[in-house]
């Protein structure tokens, strides 16, 4: 499943935590959850301020690889 978050103008840590929890639940069920496009705008600002982009890049569930390396889909 891919989710699109780039249309949202505001983010808080609650939404970030919800996305990460959903991703971990999907992984535990053998499914995947990804972003439709790399984090940008308000989401990227929130992630940067909260330190999520400084997390170990090898973390497959919540590090920069998840937030920044998504591929855009129509």
C-alpha atoms as a PDB file:
ATOM      1  CA  UNK A   1       0.000   0.000   0.000  1.00  0.00           C
ATOM      2  CA  UNK A   2       1.225   3.485  -0.788  1.00  0.00           C
ATOM      3  CA  UNK A   3      -0.065   6.550   0.993  1.00  0.00           C
ATOM      4  CA  UNK A   4       0.056  10.115  -0.218  1.00  0.00           C
ATOM      5  CA  UNK A   5       0.831  12.756   2.393  1.00  0.00           C
ATOM      6  CA  UNK A   6       2.081  15.608   0.214  1.00  0.00           C
ATOM      7  CA  UNK A   7      -1.332  17.333   0.069  1.00  0.00           C
ATOM      8  CA  UNK A   8      -1.430  17.968   3.825  1.00  0.00           C
ATOM      9  CA  UNK A   9      -0.414  21.466   4.900  1.00  0.00           C
ATOM     10  CA  UNK A  10       0.270  20.670   8.562  1.00  0.00           C
ATOM     11  CA  UNK A  11       1.802  17.729  10.398  1.00  0.00           C
ATOM     12  CA  UNK A  12       2.425  16.886  13.999  1.00  0.00           C
ATOM     13  CA  UNK A  13       4.264  14.044  15.632  1.00  0.00           C
ATOM     14  CA  UNK A  14       0.998  12.169  16.194  1.00  0.00           C
ATOM     15  CA  UNK A  15       0.576  11.675  12.455  1.00  0.00           C
ATOM     16  CA  UNK A  16       4.217  10.647  12.064  1.00  0.00           C
ATOM     17  CA  UNK A  17       3.804   8.095  14.858  1.00  0.00           C
ATOM     18  CA  UNK A  18       0.591   6.802  13.267  1.00  0.00           C
ATOM     19  CA  UNK A  19       2.326   6.267   9.921  1.00  0.00           C
ATOM     20  CA  UNK A  20       5.231   4.458  11.589  1.00  0.00           C
ATOM     21  CA  UNK A  21       2.878   2.268  13.647  1.00  0.00           C
ATOM     22  CA  UNK A  22       0.911   1.370  10.513  1.00  0.00           C
ATOM     23  CA  UNK A  23       4.142   0.545   8.686  1.00  0.00           C
ATOM     24  CA  UNK A  24       5.354  -1.697  11.496  1.00  0.00           C
ATOM     25  CA  UNK A  25       1.977  -3.454  11.675  1.00  0.00           C
ATOM     26  CA  UNK A  26       2.011  -4.000   7.926  1.00  0.00           C
ATOM     27  CA  UNK A  27       5.542  -5.422   8.094  1.00  0.00           C
ATOM     28  CA  UNK A  28       4.528  -7.779  10.910  1.00  0.00           C
ATOM     29  CA  UNK A  29       1.687  -9.028   8.699  1.00  0.00           C
ATOM     30  CA  UNK A  30       3.998  -9.556   5.724  1.00  0.00           C
ATOM     31  CA  UNK A  31       2.650  -6.489   3.908  1.00  0.00           C
ATOM     32  CA  UNK A  32       4.245  -3.190   2.994  1.00  0.00           C
ATOM     33  CA  UNK A  33       3.308   0.425   3.459  1.00  0.00           C
ATOM     34  CA  UNK A  34       5.228   3.186   1.694  1.00  0.00           C
ATOM     35  CA  UNK A  35       4.905   6.828   0.822  1.00  0.00           C
ATOM     36  CA  UNK A  36       3.742   7.653  -2.688  1.00  0.00           C
ATOM     37  CA  UNK A  37       6.252  10.520  -2.836  1.00  0.00           C
ATOM     38  CA  UNK A  38       9.268  11.525  -0.754  1.00  0.00           C
ATOM     39  CA  UNK A  39       8.524  13.655   2.288  1.00  0.00           C
ATOM     40  CA  UNK A  40       8.525  17.341   1.444  1.00  0.00           C
ATOM     41  CA  UNK A  41       7.119  20.616   2.695  1.00  0.00           C
ATOM     42  CA  UNK A  42       5.513  20.554   6.140  1.00  0.00           C
ATOM     43  CA  UNK A  43       6.070  16.819   6.591  1.00  0.00           C
ATOM     44  CA  UNK A  44       9.790  17.098   5.887  1.00  0.00           C
ATOM     45  CA  UNK A  45      10.074  20.065   8.250  1.00  0.00           C
ATOM     46  CA  UNK A  46       8.325  18.097  11.019  1.00  0.00           C
ATOM     47  CA  UNK A  47      10.536  15.057  10.441  1.00  0.00           C
ATOM     48  CA  UNK A  48      13.685  17.154  10.471  1.00  0.00           C
ATOM     49  CA  UNK A  49      12.751  19.048  13.641  1.00  0.00           C
ATOM     50  CA  UNK A  50      11.848  15.825  15.434  1.00  0.00           C
ATOM     51  CA  UNK A  51      15.083  14.097  14.418  1.00  0.00           C
ATOM     52  CA  UNK A  52      13.518  11.396  12.230  1.00  0.00           C
ATOM     53  CA  UNK A  53      15.862  12.196   9.350  1.00  0.00           C
ATOM     54  CA  UNK A  54      18.875  11.687  11.618  1.00  0.00           C
ATOM     55  CA  UNK A  55      17.836   8.145  12.598  1.00  0.00           C
ATOM     56  CA  UNK A  56      20.066   5.285  11.489  1.00  0.00           C
ATOM     57  CA  UNK A  57      19.748   5.147   7.691  1.00  0.00           C
ATOM     58  CA  UNK A  58      19.717   1.342   7.908  1.00  0.00           C
ATOM     59  CA  UNK A  59      16.424   1.414   9.868  1.00  0.00           C
ATOM     60  CA  UNK A  60      14.019  -0.018   7.274  1.00  0.00           C
ATOM     61  CA  UNK A  61      10.892   1.081   9.144  1.00  0.00           C
ATOM     62  CA  UNK A  62      11.464   4.661  10.167  1.00  0.00           C
ATOM     63  CA  UNK A  63      14.748   6.087   8.959  1.00  0.00           C
ATOM     64  CA  UNK A  64      15.471   8.446   6.095  1.00  0.00           C
ATOM     65  CA  UNK A  65      15.168   5.625   3.558  1.00  0.00           C
ATOM     66  CA  UNK A  66      11.463   5.342   4.316  1.00  0.00           C
ATOM     67  CA  UNK A  67      10.698   9.061   4.413  1.00  0.00           C
ATOM     68  CA  UNK A  68      12.874  10.290   1.526  1.00  0.00           C
ATOM     69  CA  UNK A  69      13.259   7.524  -1.053  1.00  0.00           C
ATOM     70  CA  UNK A  70       9.675   6.933  -2.066  1.00  0.00           C
ATOM     71  CA  UNK A  71       8.765   6.929  -5.717  1.00  0.00           C
ATOM     72  CA  UNK A  72       5.988   9.090  -7.047  1.00  0.00           C
ATOM     73  CA  UNK A  73       2.935   7.328  -8.468  1.00  0.00           C
ATOM     74  CA  UNK A  74       0.117   8.950 -10.433  1.00  0.00           C
END
